[in-house]
């Protein structure tokens, strides 16, 4: 990209995107390369830095409390059921119980047969 042949409005937009960090690395390098020889681009860059970075400076960085993230997760995904986690080890124990090993073996055998059939049909 040759910045020198761009119109004034496009240079201004490009300078704003540069300040915001929206350019890909190749475009960013092109802007940095052309800054030395293009007074209009330098002026646009200074304009956007003054306008945009002034919005960020007075705002102190603040980490929200953990309860905020918990409320967001609860709202998005629902409240987790703690009883479900308690039942999980019991489920695995139940499946591995000696009385259920035959059923478990049969299910695995059917799954393997279906997988072989699927691969046979596809290939």
PDB file of N, CA and C in Angstrom:
ATOM      1  N   UNK A   1       0.861  -1.166   0.000  1.00  0.00           N
ATOM      2  CA  UNK A   1       0.000   0.000   0.000  1.00  0.00           C
ATOM      3  C   UNK A   1       0.902   1.222   0.000  1.00  0.00           C
ATOM      4  N   UNK A   2       0.591   2.169  -0.884  1.00  0.00           N
ATOM      5  CA  UNK A   2       1.339   3.419  -0.954  1.00  0.00           C
ATOM      6  C   UNK A   2       0.466   4.505  -0.370  1.00  0.00           C
ATOM      7  N   UNK A   3       0.882   5.016   0.769  1.00  0.00           N
ATOM      8  CA  UNK A   3       0.072   6.000   1.474  1.00  0.00           C
ATOM      9  C   UNK A   3       0.175   7.362   0.818  1.00  0.00           C
ATOM     10  N   UNK A   4       1.321   7.650   0.181  1.00  0.00           N
ATOM     11  CA  UNK A   4       1.549   8.967  -0.397  1.00  0.00           C
ATOM     12  C   UNK A   4       0.523   9.373  -1.442  1.00  0.00           C
ATOM     13  N   UNK A   5      -0.086   8.414  -2.148  1.00  0.00           N
ATOM     14  CA  UNK A   5      -1.026   8.758  -3.211  1.00  0.00           C
ATOM     15  C   UNK A   5      -2.472   8.766  -2.740  1.00  0.00           C
ATOM     16  N   UNK A   6      -2.721   8.570  -1.463  1.00  0.00           N
ATOM     17  CA  UNK A   6      -4.091   8.571  -0.939  1.00  0.00           C
ATOM     18  C   UNK A   6      -4.610   9.990  -0.797  1.00  0.00           C
ATOM     19  N   UNK A   7      -5.930  10.104  -0.846  1.00  0.00           N
ATOM     20  CA  UNK A   7      -6.519  11.422  -0.597  1.00  0.00           C
ATOM     21  C   UNK A   7      -6.469  11.736   0.896  1.00  0.00           C
ATOM     22  N   UNK A   8      -6.699  12.976   1.216  1.00  0.00           N
ATOM     23  CA  UNK A   8      -6.554  13.478   2.592  1.00  0.00           C
ATOM     24  C   UNK A   8      -7.510  12.756   3.556  1.00  0.00           C
ATOM     25  N   UNK A   9      -8.745  12.510   3.120  1.00  0.00           N
ATOM     26  CA  UNK A   9      -9.731  11.870   3.996  1.00  0.00           C
ATOM     27  C   UNK A   9      -9.313  10.440   4.342  1.00  0.00           C
ATOM     28  N   UNK A  10      -8.818   9.712   3.345  1.00  0.00           N
ATOM     29  CA  UNK A  10      -8.392   8.321   3.589  1.00  0.00           C
ATOM     30  C   UNK A  10      -7.185   8.287   4.532  1.00  0.00           C
ATOM     31  N   UNK A  11      -6.265   9.263   4.376  1.00  0.00           N
ATOM     32  CA  UNK A  11      -5.116   9.331   5.284  1.00  0.00           C
ATOM     33  C   UNK A  11      -5.569   9.578   6.718  1.00  0.00           C
ATOM     34  N   UNK A  12      -6.574  10.421   6.876  1.00  0.00           N
ATOM     35  CA  UNK A  12      -7.082  10.717   8.212  1.00  0.00           C
ATOM     36  C   UNK A  12      -7.707   9.466   8.841  1.00  0.00           C
ATOM     37  N   UNK A  13      -8.474   8.741   8.058  1.00  0.00           N
ATOM     38  CA  UNK A  13      -9.087   7.498   8.547  1.00  0.00           C
ATOM     39  C   UNK A  13      -8.000   6.485   8.904  1.00  0.00           C
ATOM     40  N   UNK A  14      -6.992   6.380   8.048  1.00  0.00           N
ATOM     41  CA  UNK A  14      -5.894   5.452   8.291  1.00  0.00           C
ATOM     42  C   UNK A  14      -5.140   5.816   9.569  1.00  0.00           C
ATOM     43  N   UNK A  15      -4.922   7.110   9.793  1.00  0.00           N
ATOM     44  CA  UNK A  15      -4.239   7.555  11.014  1.00  0.00           C
ATOM     45  C   UNK A  15      -5.074   7.212  12.249  1.00  0.00           C
ATOM     46  N   UNK A  16      -6.389   7.391  12.169  1.00  0.00           N
ATOM     47  CA  UNK A  16      -7.264   7.025  13.285  1.00  0.00           C
ATOM     48  C   UNK A  16      -7.228   5.536  13.569  1.00  0.00           C
ATOM     49  N   UNK A  17      -7.240   4.725  12.520  1.00  0.00           N
ATOM     50  CA  UNK A  17      -7.164   3.273  12.695  1.00  0.00           C
ATOM     51  C   UNK A  17      -5.814   2.867  13.287  1.00  0.00           C
ATOM     52  N   UNK A  18      -4.762   3.581  12.899  1.00  0.00           N
ATOM     53  CA  UNK A  18      -3.428   3.316  13.456  1.00  0.00           C
ATOM     54  C   UNK A  18      -3.413   3.584  14.956  1.00  0.00           C
ATOM     55  N   UNK A  19      -3.974   4.714  15.361  1.00  0.00           N
ATOM     56  CA  UNK A  19      -3.994   5.079  16.783  1.00  0.00           C
ATOM     57  C   UNK A  19      -4.811   4.075  17.585  1.00  0.00           C
ATOM     58  N   UNK A  20      -5.915   3.605  17.024  1.00  0.00           N
ATOM     59  CA  UNK A  20      -6.764   2.641  17.726  1.00  0.00           C
ATOM     60  C   UNK A  20      -6.199   1.221  17.705  1.00  0.00           C
ATOM     61  N   UNK A  21      -5.178   0.990  16.870  1.00  0.00           N
ATOM     62  CA  UNK A  21      -4.585  -0.342  16.784  1.00  0.00           C
ATOM     63  C   UNK A  21      -5.401  -1.300  15.943  1.00  0.00           C
ATOM     64  N   UNK A  22      -6.113  -0.786  14.942  1.00  0.00           N
ATOM     65  CA  UNK A  22      -6.986  -1.625  14.129  1.00  0.00           C
ATOM     66  C   UNK A  22      -6.333  -2.133  12.847  1.00  0.00           C
ATOM     67  N   UNK A  23      -5.122  -1.690  12.558  1.00  0.00           N
ATOM     68  CA  UNK A  23      -4.464  -2.078  11.308  1.00  0.00           C
ATOM     69  C   UNK A  23      -3.756  -3.416  11.467  1.00  0.00           C
ATOM     70  N   UNK A  24      -3.713  -4.161  10.357  1.00  0.00           N
ATOM     71  CA  UNK A  24      -2.926  -5.392  10.399  1.00  0.00           C
ATOM     72  C   UNK A  24      -1.443  -5.015  10.369  1.00  0.00           C
ATOM     73  N   UNK A  25      -0.556  -5.937  10.676  1.00  0.00           N
ATOM     74  CA  UNK A  25       0.870  -5.601  10.792  1.00  0.00           C
ATOM     75  C   UNK A  25       1.466  -4.966   9.534  1.00  0.00           C
ATOM     76  N   UNK A  26       1.063  -5.418   8.347  1.00  0.00           N
ATOM     77  CA  UNK A  26       1.617  -4.850   7.111  1.00  0.00           C
ATOM     78  C   UNK A  26       1.187  -3.389   6.952  1.00  0.00           C
ATOM     79  N   UNK A  27      -0.088  -3.101   7.209  1.00  0.00           N
ATOM     80  CA  UNK A  27      -0.562  -1.718   7.112  1.00  0.00           C
ATOM     81  C   UNK A  27       0.104  -0.845   8.172  1.00  0.00           C
ATOM     82  N   UNK A  28       0.285  -1.395   9.346  1.00  0.00           N
ATOM     83  CA  UNK A  28       0.927  -0.642  10.435  1.00  0.00           C
ATOM     84  C   UNK A  28       2.362  -0.264  10.058  1.00  0.00           C
ATOM     85  N   UNK A  29       3.093  -1.214   9.482  1.00  0.00           N
ATOM     86  CA  UNK A  29       4.461  -0.923   9.048  1.00  0.00           C
ATOM     87  C   UNK A  29       4.475   0.119   7.937  1.00  0.00           C
ATOM     88  N   UNK A  30       3.497   0.064   7.022  1.00  0.00           N
ATOM     89  CA  UNK A  30       3.435   1.043   5.934  1.00  0.00           C
ATOM     90  C   UNK A  30       3.205   2.444   6.485  1.00  0.00           C
ATOM     91  N   UNK A  31       2.331   2.569   7.470  1.00  0.00           N
ATOM     92  CA  UNK A  31       2.081   3.881   8.080  1.00  0.00           C
ATOM     93  C   UNK A  31       3.343   4.366   8.772  1.00  0.00           C
ATOM     94  N   UNK A  32       3.989   3.503   9.530  1.00  0.00           N
ATOM     95  CA  UNK A  32       5.207   3.899  10.242  1.00  0.00           C
ATOM     96  C   UNK A  32       6.310   4.301   9.270  1.00  0.00           C
ATOM     97  N   UNK A  33       6.388   3.613   8.132  1.00  0.00           N
ATOM     98  CA  UNK A  33       7.394   3.939   7.123  1.00  0.00           C
ATOM     99  C   UNK A  33       7.122   5.304   6.495  1.00  0.00           C
ATOM    100  N   UNK A  34       5.860   5.614   6.236  1.00  0.00           N
ATOM    101  CA  UNK A  34       5.504   6.854   5.542  1.00  0.00           C
ATOM    102  C   UNK A  34       5.387   8.058   6.463  1.00  0.00           C
ATOM    103  N   UNK A  35       5.414   7.852   7.767  1.00  0.00           N
ATOM    104  CA  UNK A  35       5.297   8.980   8.701  1.00  0.00           C
ATOM    105  C   UNK A  35       6.427   9.991   8.531  1.00  0.00           C
ATOM    106  N   UNK A  36       7.632   9.515   8.254  1.00  0.00           N
ATOM    107  CA  UNK A  36       8.789  10.417   8.162  1.00  0.00           C
ATOM    108  C   UNK A  36       8.656  11.401   7.005  1.00  0.00           C
ATOM    109  N   UNK A  37       8.057  10.983   5.901  1.00  0.00           N
ATOM    110  CA  UNK A  37       8.011  11.845   4.724  1.00  0.00           C
ATOM    111  C   UNK A  37       6.668  12.478   4.431  1.00  0.00           C
ATOM    112  N   UNK A  38       5.667  12.278   5.252  1.00  0.00           N
ATOM    113  CA  UNK A  38       4.324  12.792   4.958  1.00  0.00           C
ATOM    114  C   UNK A  38       3.836  13.652   6.119  1.00  0.00           C
ATOM    115  N   UNK A  39       3.889  14.960   5.918  1.00  0.00           N
ATOM    116  CA  UNK A  39       3.482  15.901   6.972  1.00  0.00           C
ATOM    117  C   UNK A  39       1.988  15.797   7.259  1.00  0.00           C
ATOM    118  N   UNK A  40       1.182  15.568   6.214  1.00  0.00           N
ATOM    119  CA  UNK A  40      -0.271  15.446   6.421  1.00  0.00           C
ATOM    120  C   UNK A  40      -0.593  14.233   7.296  1.00  0.00           C
ATOM    121  N   UNK A  41       0.098  13.140   7.041  1.00  0.00           N
ATOM    122  CA  UNK A  41      -0.131  11.931   7.833  1.00  0.00           C
ATOM    123  C   UNK A  41       0.286  12.152   9.286  1.00  0.00           C
ATOM    124  N   UNK A  42       1.417  12.826   9.501  1.00  0.00           N
ATOM    125  CA  UNK A  42       1.847  13.134  10.867  1.00  0.00           C
ATOM    126  C   UNK A  42       0.835  14.028  11.572  1.00  0.00           C
ATOM    127  N   UNK A  43       0.288  15.015  10.846  1.00  0.00           N
ATOM    128  CA  UNK A  43      -0.710  15.915  11.439  1.00  0.00           C
ATOM    129  C   UNK A  43      -1.978  15.144  11.800  1.00  0.00           C
ATOM    130  N   UNK A  44      -2.408  14.257  10.905  1.00  0.00           N
ATOM    131  CA  UNK A  44      -3.603  13.449  11.191  1.00  0.00           C
ATOM    132  C   UNK A  44      -3.363  12.523  12.381  1.00  0.00           C
ATOM    133  N   UNK A  45      -2.175  11.954  12.450  1.00  0.00           N
ATOM    134  CA  UNK A  45      -1.840  11.075  13.564  1.00  0.00           C
ATOM    135  C   UNK A  45      -1.863  11.842  14.884  1.00  0.00           C
ATOM    136  N   UNK A  46      -1.293  13.033  14.890  1.00  0.00           N
ATOM    137  CA  UNK A  46      -1.299  13.855  16.106  1.00  0.00           C
ATOM    138  C   UNK A  46      -2.722  14.231  16.497  1.00  0.00           C
ATOM    139  N   UNK A  47      -3.560  14.553  15.501  1.00  0.00           N
ATOM    140  CA  UNK A  47      -4.960  14.900  15.760  1.00  0.00           C
ATOM    141  C   UNK A  47      -5.679  13.741  16.444  1.00  0.00           C
ATOM    142  N   UNK A  48      -5.554  12.535  15.875  1.00  0.00           N
ATOM    143  CA  UNK A  48      -6.270  11.386  16.422  1.00  0.00           C
ATOM    144  C   UNK A  48      -5.718  10.960  17.773  1.00  0.00           C
ATOM    145  N   UNK A  49      -4.403  11.055  17.952  1.00  0.00           N
ATOM    146  CA  UNK A  49      -3.839  10.725  19.267  1.00  0.00           C
ATOM    147  C   UNK A  49      -4.373  11.663  20.335  1.00  0.00           C
ATOM    148  N   UNK A  50      -4.441  12.951  19.997  1.00  0.00           N
ATOM    149  CA  UNK A  50      -4.950  13.935  20.962  1.00  0.00           C
ATOM    150  C   UNK A  50      -6.410  13.671  21.300  1.00  0.00           C
ATOM    151  N   UNK A  51      -7.212  13.359  20.288  1.00  0.00           N
ATOM    152  CA  UNK A  51      -8.648  13.161  20.505  1.00  0.00           C
ATOM    153  C   UNK A  51      -8.965  11.826  21.178  1.00  0.00           C
ATOM    154  N   UNK A  52      -8.360  10.768  20.667  1.00  0.00           N
ATOM    155  CA  UNK A  52      -8.735   9.434  21.141  1.00  0.00           C
ATOM    156  C   UNK A  52      -8.040   9.048  22.441  1.00  0.00           C
ATOM    157  N   UNK A  53      -6.774   9.343  22.549  1.00  0.00           N
ATOM    158  CA  UNK A  53      -6.062   8.952  23.765  1.00  0.00           C
ATOM    159  C   UNK A  53      -6.481   9.798  24.957  1.00  0.00           C
ATOM    160  N   UNK A  54      -7.009  10.987  24.697  1.00  0.00           N
ATOM    161  CA  UNK A  54      -7.517  11.814  25.795  1.00  0.00           C
ATOM    162  C   UNK A  54      -8.745  11.168  26.436  1.00  0.00           C
ATOM    163  N   UNK A  55      -9.461  10.358  25.683  1.00  0.00           N
ATOM    164  CA  UNK A  55     -10.629   9.667  26.235  1.00  0.00           C
ATOM    165  C   UNK A  55     -10.220   8.550  27.191  1.00  0.00           C
ATOM    166  N   UNK A  56      -9.059   7.967  26.969  1.00  0.00           N
ATOM    167  CA  UNK A  56      -8.618   6.821  27.754  1.00  0.00           C
ATOM    168  C   UNK A  56      -7.854   7.243  29.007  1.00  0.00           C
ATOM    169  N   UNK A  57      -7.080   8.308  28.913  1.00  0.00           N
ATOM    170  CA  UNK A  57      -6.204   8.709  30.021  1.00  0.00           C
ATOM    171  C   UNK A  57      -6.921   8.925  31.348  1.00  0.00           C
ATOM    172  N   UNK A  58      -8.053   9.643  31.394  1.00  0.00           N
ATOM    173  CA  UNK A  58      -8.638   9.901  32.708  1.00  0.00           C
ATOM    174  C   UNK A  58      -9.329   8.694  33.343  1.00  0.00           C
ATOM    175  N   UNK A  59      -9.476   7.614  32.614  1.00  0.00           N
ATOM    176  CA  UNK A  59     -10.183   6.447  33.140  1.00  0.00           C
ATOM    177  C   UNK A  59      -9.170   5.494  33.773  1.00  0.00           C
ATOM    178  N   UNK A  60      -9.224   5.328  35.087  1.00  0.00           N
ATOM    179  CA  UNK A  60      -8.283   4.395  35.722  1.00  0.00           C
ATOM    180  C   UNK A  60      -8.700   2.945  35.457  1.00  0.00           C
ATOM    181  N   UNK A  61      -7.713   2.095  35.335  1.00  0.00           N
ATOM    182  CA  UNK A  61      -7.994   0.672  35.143  1.00  0.00           C
ATOM    183  C   UNK A  61      -8.533   0.101  36.447  1.00  0.00           C
ATOM    184  N   UNK A  62      -9.595  -0.668  36.328  1.00  0.00           N
ATOM    185  CA  UNK A  62     -10.211  -1.224  37.527  1.00  0.00           C
ATOM    186  C   UNK A  62     -10.632  -2.658  37.257  1.00  0.00           C
ATOM    187  N   UNK A  63     -10.338  -3.524  38.180  1.00  0.00           N
ATOM    188  CA  UNK A  63     -10.709  -4.932  38.066  1.00  0.00           C
ATOM    189  C   UNK A  63     -12.021  -5.134  38.807  1.00  0.00           C
ATOM    190  N   UNK A  64     -13.040  -5.643  38.109  1.00  0.00           N
ATOM    191  CA  UNK A  64     -14.315  -5.864  38.793  1.00  0.00           C
ATOM    192  C   UNK A  64     -14.204  -6.996  39.808  1.00  0.00           C
ATOM    193  N   UNK A  65     -15.048  -6.958  40.833  1.00  0.00           N
ATOM    194  CA  UNK A  65     -15.028  -8.030  41.834  1.00  0.00           C
ATOM    195  C   UNK A  65     -15.451  -9.371  41.226  1.00  0.00           C
ATOM    196  N   UNK A  66     -15.056 -10.447  41.856  1.00  0.00           N
ATOM    197  CA  UNK A  66     -15.354 -11.795  41.358  1.00  0.00           C
ATOM    198  C   UNK A  66     -16.854 -12.045  41.264  1.00  0.00           C
ATOM    199  N   UNK A  67     -17.633 -11.412  42.133  1.00  0.00           N
ATOM    200  CA  UNK A  67     -19.082 -11.646  42.100  1.00  0.00           C
ATOM    201  C   UNK A  67     -19.697 -11.147  40.791  1.00  0.00           C
ATOM    202  N   UNK A  68     -19.057 -10.163  40.151  1.00  0.00           N
ATOM    203  CA  UNK A  68     -19.565  -9.663  38.868  1.00  0.00           C
ATOM    204  C   UNK A  68     -19.472 -10.762  37.819  1.00  0.00           C
ATOM    205  N   UNK A  69     -18.314 -11.434  37.745  1.00  0.00           N
ATOM    206  CA  UNK A  69     -18.160 -12.528  36.787  1.00  0.00           C
ATOM    207  C   UNK A  69     -19.127 -13.668  37.098  1.00  0.00           C
ATOM    208  N   UNK A  70     -19.329 -13.947  38.367  1.00  0.00           N
ATOM    209  CA  UNK A  70     -20.255 -15.016  38.757  1.00  0.00           C
ATOM    210  C   UNK A  70     -21.674 -14.685  38.310  1.00  0.00           C
ATOM    211  N   UNK A  71     -22.065 -13.422  38.466  1.00  0.00           N
ATOM    212  CA  UNK A  71     -23.416 -13.027  38.045  1.00  0.00           C
ATOM    213  C   UNK A  71     -23.561 -13.078  36.527  1.00  0.00           C
ATOM    214  N   UNK A  72     -22.507 -12.686  35.808  1.00  0.00           N
ATOM    215  CA  UNK A  72     -22.551 -12.751  34.343  1.00  0.00           C
ATOM    216  C   UNK A  72     -22.692 -14.199  33.890  1.00  0.00           C
ATOM    217  N   UNK A  73     -21.883 -15.096  34.459  1.00  0.00           N
ATOM    218  CA  UNK A  73     -21.970 -16.507  34.095  1.00  0.00           C
ATOM    219  C   UNK A  73     -23.331 -17.093  34.444  1.00  0.00           C
ATOM    220  N   UNK A  74     -23.866 -16.723  35.593  1.00  0.00           N
ATOM    221  CA  UNK A  74     -25.180 -17.233  35.994  1.00  0.00           C
ATOM    222  C   UNK A  74     -26.253 -16.744  35.040  1.00  0.00           C
ATOM    223  N   UNK A  75     -26.134 -15.503  34.600  1.00  0.00           N
ATOM    224  CA  UNK A  75     -27.144 -14.954  33.693  1.00  0.00           C
ATOM    225  C   UNK A  75     -27.038 -15.583  32.305  1.00  0.00           C
ATOM    226  N   UNK A  76     -25.816 -15.837  31.855  1.00  0.00           N
ATOM    227  CA  UNK A  76     -25.632 -16.418  30.528  1.00  0.00           C
ATOM    228  C   UNK A  76     -25.928 -17.912  30.494  1.00  0.00           C
ATOM    229  N   UNK A  77     -25.453 -18.625  31.505  1.00  0.00           N
ATOM    230  CA  UNK A  77     -25.508 -20.082  31.460  1.00  0.00           C
ATOM    231  C   UNK A  77     -26.409 -20.699  32.514  1.00  0.00           C
ATOM    232  N   UNK A  78     -27.059 -19.891  33.305  1.00  0.00           N
ATOM    233  CA  UNK A  78     -27.908 -20.413  34.369  1.00  0.00           C
ATOM    234  C   UNK A  78     -27.087 -20.710  35.611  1.00  0.00           C
ATOM    235  N   UNK A  79     -27.762 -20.857  36.690  1.00  0.00           N
ATOM    236  CA  UNK A  79     -27.086 -21.145  37.951  1.00  0.00           C
ATOM    237  C   UNK A  79     -26.666 -22.608  37.964  1.00  0.00           C
ATOM    238  N   UNK A  80     -25.403 -22.885  38.249  1.00  0.00           N
ATOM    239  CA  UNK A  80     -24.965 -24.284  38.261  1.00  0.00           C
ATOM    240  C   UNK A  80     -25.634 -25.059  39.390  1.00  0.00           C
ATOM    241  N   UNK A  81     -25.932 -26.313  39.093  1.00  0.00           N
ATOM    242  CA  UNK A  81     -26.561 -27.191  40.077  1.00  0.00           C
ATOM    243  C   UNK A  81     -25.465 -27.951  40.818  1.00  0.00           C
ATOM    244  N   UNK A  82     -25.187 -27.595  42.081  1.00  0.00           N
ATOM    245  CA  UNK A  82     -24.105 -28.275  42.800  1.00  0.00           C
ATOM    246  C   UNK A  82     -24.393 -29.755  43.027  1.00  0.00           C
ATOM    247  N   UNK A  83     -25.650 -30.143  43.051  1.00  0.00           N
ATOM    248  CA  UNK A  83     -25.981 -31.552  43.261  1.00  0.00           C
ATOM    249  C   UNK A  83     -25.534 -32.399  42.070  1.00  0.00           C
ATOM    250  N   UNK A  84     -25.495 -31.803  40.881  1.00  0.00           N
ATOM    251  CA  UNK A  84     -25.073 -32.529  39.692  1.00  0.00           C
ATOM    252  C   UNK A  84     -23.633 -33.011  39.845  1.00  0.00           C
ATOM    253  N   UNK A  85     -22.769 -32.131  40.347  1.00  0.00           N
ATOM    254  CA  UNK A  85     -21.361 -32.506  40.534  1.00  0.00           C
ATOM    255  C   UNK A  85     -21.227 -33.622  41.581  1.00  0.00           C
ATOM    256  N   UNK A  86     -22.082 -33.606  42.570  1.00  0.00           N
ATOM    257  CA  UNK A  86     -22.020 -34.637  43.606  1.00  0.00           C
ATOM    258  C   UNK A  86     -22.450 -35.993  43.045  1.00  0.00           C
ATOM    259  N   UNK A  87     -23.369 -36.001  42.068  1.00  0.00           N
ATOM    260  CA  UNK A  87     -23.856 -37.248  41.484  1.00  0.00           C
ATOM    261  C   UNK A  87     -22.895 -37.837  40.461  1.00  0.00           C
ATOM    262  N   UNK A  88     -21.973 -37.024  39.925  1.00  0.00           N
ATOM    263  CA  UNK A  88     -21.096 -37.490  38.859  1.00  0.00           C
ATOM    264  C   UNK A  88     -20.222 -38.676  39.276  1.00  0.00           C
ATOM    265  N   UNK A  89     -19.522 -38.622  40.397  1.00  0.00           N
ATOM    266  CA  UNK A  89     -18.738 -39.810  40.790  1.00  0.00           C
ATOM    267  C   UNK A  89     -19.618 -41.039  41.005  1.00  0.00           C
ATOM    268  N   UNK A  90     -20.815 -40.847  41.513  1.00  0.00           N
ATOM    269  CA  UNK A  90     -21.715 -41.985  41.726  1.00  0.00           C
ATOM    270  C   UNK A  90     -22.116 -42.610  40.393  1.00  0.00           C
ATOM    271  N   UNK A  91     -22.291 -41.808  39.361  1.00  0.00           N
ATOM    272  CA  UNK A  91     -22.653 -42.317  38.039  1.00  0.00           C
ATOM    273  C   UNK A  91     -21.545 -43.210  37.495  1.00  0.00           C
ATOM    274  N   UNK A  92     -20.309 -42.751  37.589  1.00  0.00           N
ATOM    275  CA  UNK A  92     -19.196 -43.561  37.103  1.00  0.00           C
ATOM    276  C   UNK A  92     -19.056 -44.844  37.925  1.00  0.00           C
ATOM    277  N   UNK A  93     -19.260 -44.736  39.206  1.00  0.00           N
ATOM    278  CA  UNK A  93     -19.184 -45.932  40.053  1.00  0.00           C
ATOM    279  C   UNK A  93     -20.276 -46.924  39.670  1.00  0.00           C
ATOM    280  N   UNK A  94     -21.447 -46.399  39.368  1.00  0.00           N
ATOM    281  CA  UNK A  94     -22.576 -47.253  38.981  1.00  0.00           C
ATOM    282  C   UNK A  94     -22.294 -47.963  37.656  1.00  0.00           C
ATOM    283  N   UNK A  95     -21.725 -47.232  36.695  1.00  0.00           N
ATOM    284  CA  UNK A  95     -21.431 -47.846  35.397  1.00  0.00           C
ATOM    285  C   UNK A  95     -20.349 -48.915  35.509  1.00  0.00           C
ATOM    286  N   UNK A  96     -19.393 -48.706  36.394  1.00  0.00           N
ATOM    287  CA  UNK A  96     -18.292 -49.659  36.539  1.00  0.00           C
ATOM    288  C   UNK A  96     -18.610 -50.793  37.507  1.00  0.00           C
ATOM    289  N   UNK A  97     -19.790 -50.795  38.085  1.00  0.00           N
ATOM    290  CA  UNK A  97     -20.165 -51.846  39.043  1.00  0.00           C
ATOM    291  C   UNK A  97     -20.181 -53.199  38.331  1.00  0.00           C
ATOM    292  N   UNK A  98     -19.843 -54.261  39.043  1.00  0.00           N
ATOM    293  CA  UNK A  98     -19.790 -55.594  38.419  1.00  0.00           C
ATOM    294  C   UNK A  98     -21.098 -55.997  37.746  1.00  0.00           C
ATOM    295  N   UNK A  99     -22.227 -55.605  38.288  1.00  0.00           N
ATOM    296  CA  UNK A  99     -23.507 -55.990  37.696  1.00  0.00           C
ATOM    297  C   UNK A  99     -23.786 -55.288  36.373  1.00  0.00           C
ATOM    298  N   UNK A 100     -23.143 -54.176  36.122  1.00  0.00           N
ATOM    299  CA  UNK A 100     -23.393 -53.415  34.893  1.00  0.00           C
ATOM    300  C   UNK A 100     -22.305 -53.584  33.849  1.00  0.00           C
ATOM    301  N   UNK A 101     -21.304 -54.369  34.144  1.00  0.00           N
ATOM    302  CA  UNK A 101     -20.200 -54.503  33.191  1.00  0.00           C
ATOM    303  C   UNK A 101     -20.642 -55.183  31.900  1.00  0.00           C
ATOM    304  N   UNK A 102     -21.586 -56.102  31.992  1.00  0.00           N
ATOM    305  CA  UNK A 102     -22.097 -56.757  30.783  1.00  0.00           C
ATOM    306  C   UNK A 102     -22.825 -55.757  29.900  1.00  0.00           C
ATOM    307  N   UNK A 103     -23.654 -54.925  30.523  1.00  0.00           N
ATOM    308  CA  UNK A 103     -24.376 -53.903  29.767  1.00  0.00           C
ATOM    309  C   UNK A 103     -23.396 -52.920  29.136  1.00  0.00           C
ATOM    310  N   UNK A 104     -22.391 -52.520  29.888  1.00  0.00           N
ATOM    311  CA  UNK A 104     -21.388 -51.588  29.387  1.00  0.00           C
ATOM    312  C   UNK A 104     -20.630 -52.201  28.210  1.00  0.00           C
ATOM    313  N   UNK A 105     -20.277 -53.469  28.313  1.00  0.00           N
ATOM    314  CA  UNK A 105     -19.579 -54.156  27.225  1.00  0.00           C
ATOM    315  C   UNK A 105     -20.467 -54.240  25.986  1.00  0.00           C
ATOM    316  N   UNK A 106     -21.759 -54.520  26.170  1.00  0.00           N
ATOM    317  CA  UNK A 106     -22.680 -54.610  25.039  1.00  0.00           C
ATOM    318  C   UNK A 106     -22.815 -53.259  24.340  1.00  0.00           C
ATOM    319  N   UNK A 107     -22.919 -52.199  25.106  1.00  0.00           N
ATOM    320  CA  UNK A 107     -23.035 -50.862  24.516  1.00  0.00           C
ATOM    321  C   UNK A 107     -21.779 -50.526  23.722  1.00  0.00           C
ATOM    322  N   UNK A 108     -20.611 -50.817  24.283  1.00  0.00           N
ATOM    323  CA  UNK A 108     -19.361 -50.542  23.577  1.00  0.00           C
ATOM    324  C   UNK A 108     -19.245 -51.379  22.307  1.00  0.00           C
ATOM    325  N   UNK A 109     -19.704 -52.627  22.346  1.00  0.00           N
ATOM    326  CA  UNK A 109     -19.668 -53.495  21.174  1.00  0.00           C
ATOM    327  C   UNK A 109     -20.574 -52.955  20.073  1.00  0.00           C
ATOM    328  N   UNK A 110     -21.770 -52.510  20.434  1.00  0.00           N
ATOM    329  CA  UNK A 110     -22.695 -51.936  19.448  1.00  0.00           C
ATOM    330  C   UNK A 110     -22.096 -50.673  18.842  1.00  0.00           C
ATOM    331  N   UNK A 111     -21.484 -49.840  19.659  1.00  0.00           N
ATOM    332  CA  UNK A 111     -20.858 -48.618  19.143  1.00  0.00           C
ATOM    333  C   UNK A 111     -19.736 -48.956  18.165  1.00  0.00           C
ATOM    334  N   UNK A 112     -18.913 -49.932  18.516  1.00  0.00           N
ATOM    335  CA  UNK A 112     -17.813 -50.328  17.637  1.00  0.00           C
ATOM    336  C   UNK A 112     -18.353 -50.875  16.321  1.00  0.00           C
ATOM    337  N   UNK A 113     -19.418 -51.679  16.382  1.00  0.00           N
ATOM    338  CA  UNK A 113     -20.015 -52.235  15.170  1.00  0.00           C
ATOM    339  C   UNK A 113     -20.577 -51.129  14.288  1.00  0.00           C
ATOM    340  N   UNK A 114     -21.230 -50.150  14.893  1.00  0.00           N
ATOM    341  CA  UNK A 114     -21.765 -49.035  14.113  1.00  0.00           C
ATOM    342  C   UNK A 114     -20.648 -48.212  13.475  1.00  0.00           C
ATOM    343  N   UNK A 115     -19.551 -48.046  14.169  1.00  0.00           N
ATOM    344  CA  UNK A 115     -18.419 -47.308  13.625  1.00  0.00           C
ATOM    345  C   UNK A 115     -17.813 -48.056  12.442  1.00  0.00           C
ATOM    346  N   UNK A 116     -17.659 -49.373  12.569  1.00  0.00           N
ATOM    347  CA  UNK A 116     -17.132 -50.183  11.468  1.00  0.00           C
ATOM    348  C   UNK A 116     -18.075 -50.114  10.276  1.00  0.00           C
ATOM    349  N   UNK A 117     -19.371 -50.214  10.509  1.00  0.00           N
ATOM    350  CA  UNK A 117     -20.354 -50.132   9.434  1.00  0.00           C
ATOM    351  C   UNK A 117     -20.296 -48.773   8.747  1.00  0.00           C
ATOM    352  N   UNK A 118     -20.188 -47.731   9.514  1.00  0.00           N
ATOM    353  CA  UNK A 118     -20.114 -46.383   8.955  1.00  0.00           C
ATOM    354  C   UNK A 118     -18.866 -46.221   8.095  1.00  0.00           C
ATOM    355  N   UNK A 119     -17.734 -46.692   8.589  1.00  0.00           N
ATOM    356  CA  UNK A 119     -16.500 -46.599   7.814  1.00  0.00           C
ATOM    357  C   UNK A 119     -16.573 -47.448   6.552  1.00  0.00           C
ATOM    358  N   UNK A 120     -17.221 -48.616   6.623  1.00  0.00           N
ATOM    359  CA  UNK A 120     -17.374 -49.477   5.455  1.00  0.00           C
ATOM    360  C   UNK A 120     -18.222 -48.790   4.389  1.00  0.00           C
ATOM    361  N   UNK A 121     -19.298 -48.138   4.806  1.00  0.00           N
ATOM    362  CA  UNK A 121     -20.196 -47.471   3.856  1.00  0.00           C
ATOM    363  C   UNK A 121     -19.510 -46.262   3.222  1.00  0.00           C
ATOM    364  N   UNK A 122     -18.762 -45.539   4.016  1.00  0.00           N
ATOM    365  CA  UNK A 122     -18.123 -44.323   3.508  1.00  0.00           C
ATOM    366  C   UNK A 122     -16.942 -44.620   2.599  1.00  0.00           C
ATOM    367  N   UNK A 123     -16.194 -45.690   2.887  1.00  0.00           N
ATOM    368  CA  UNK A 123     -14.985 -45.952   2.114  1.00  0.00           C
ATOM    369  C   UNK A 123     -15.113 -47.255   1.387  1.00  0.00           C
TER     370      UNK A 123
END
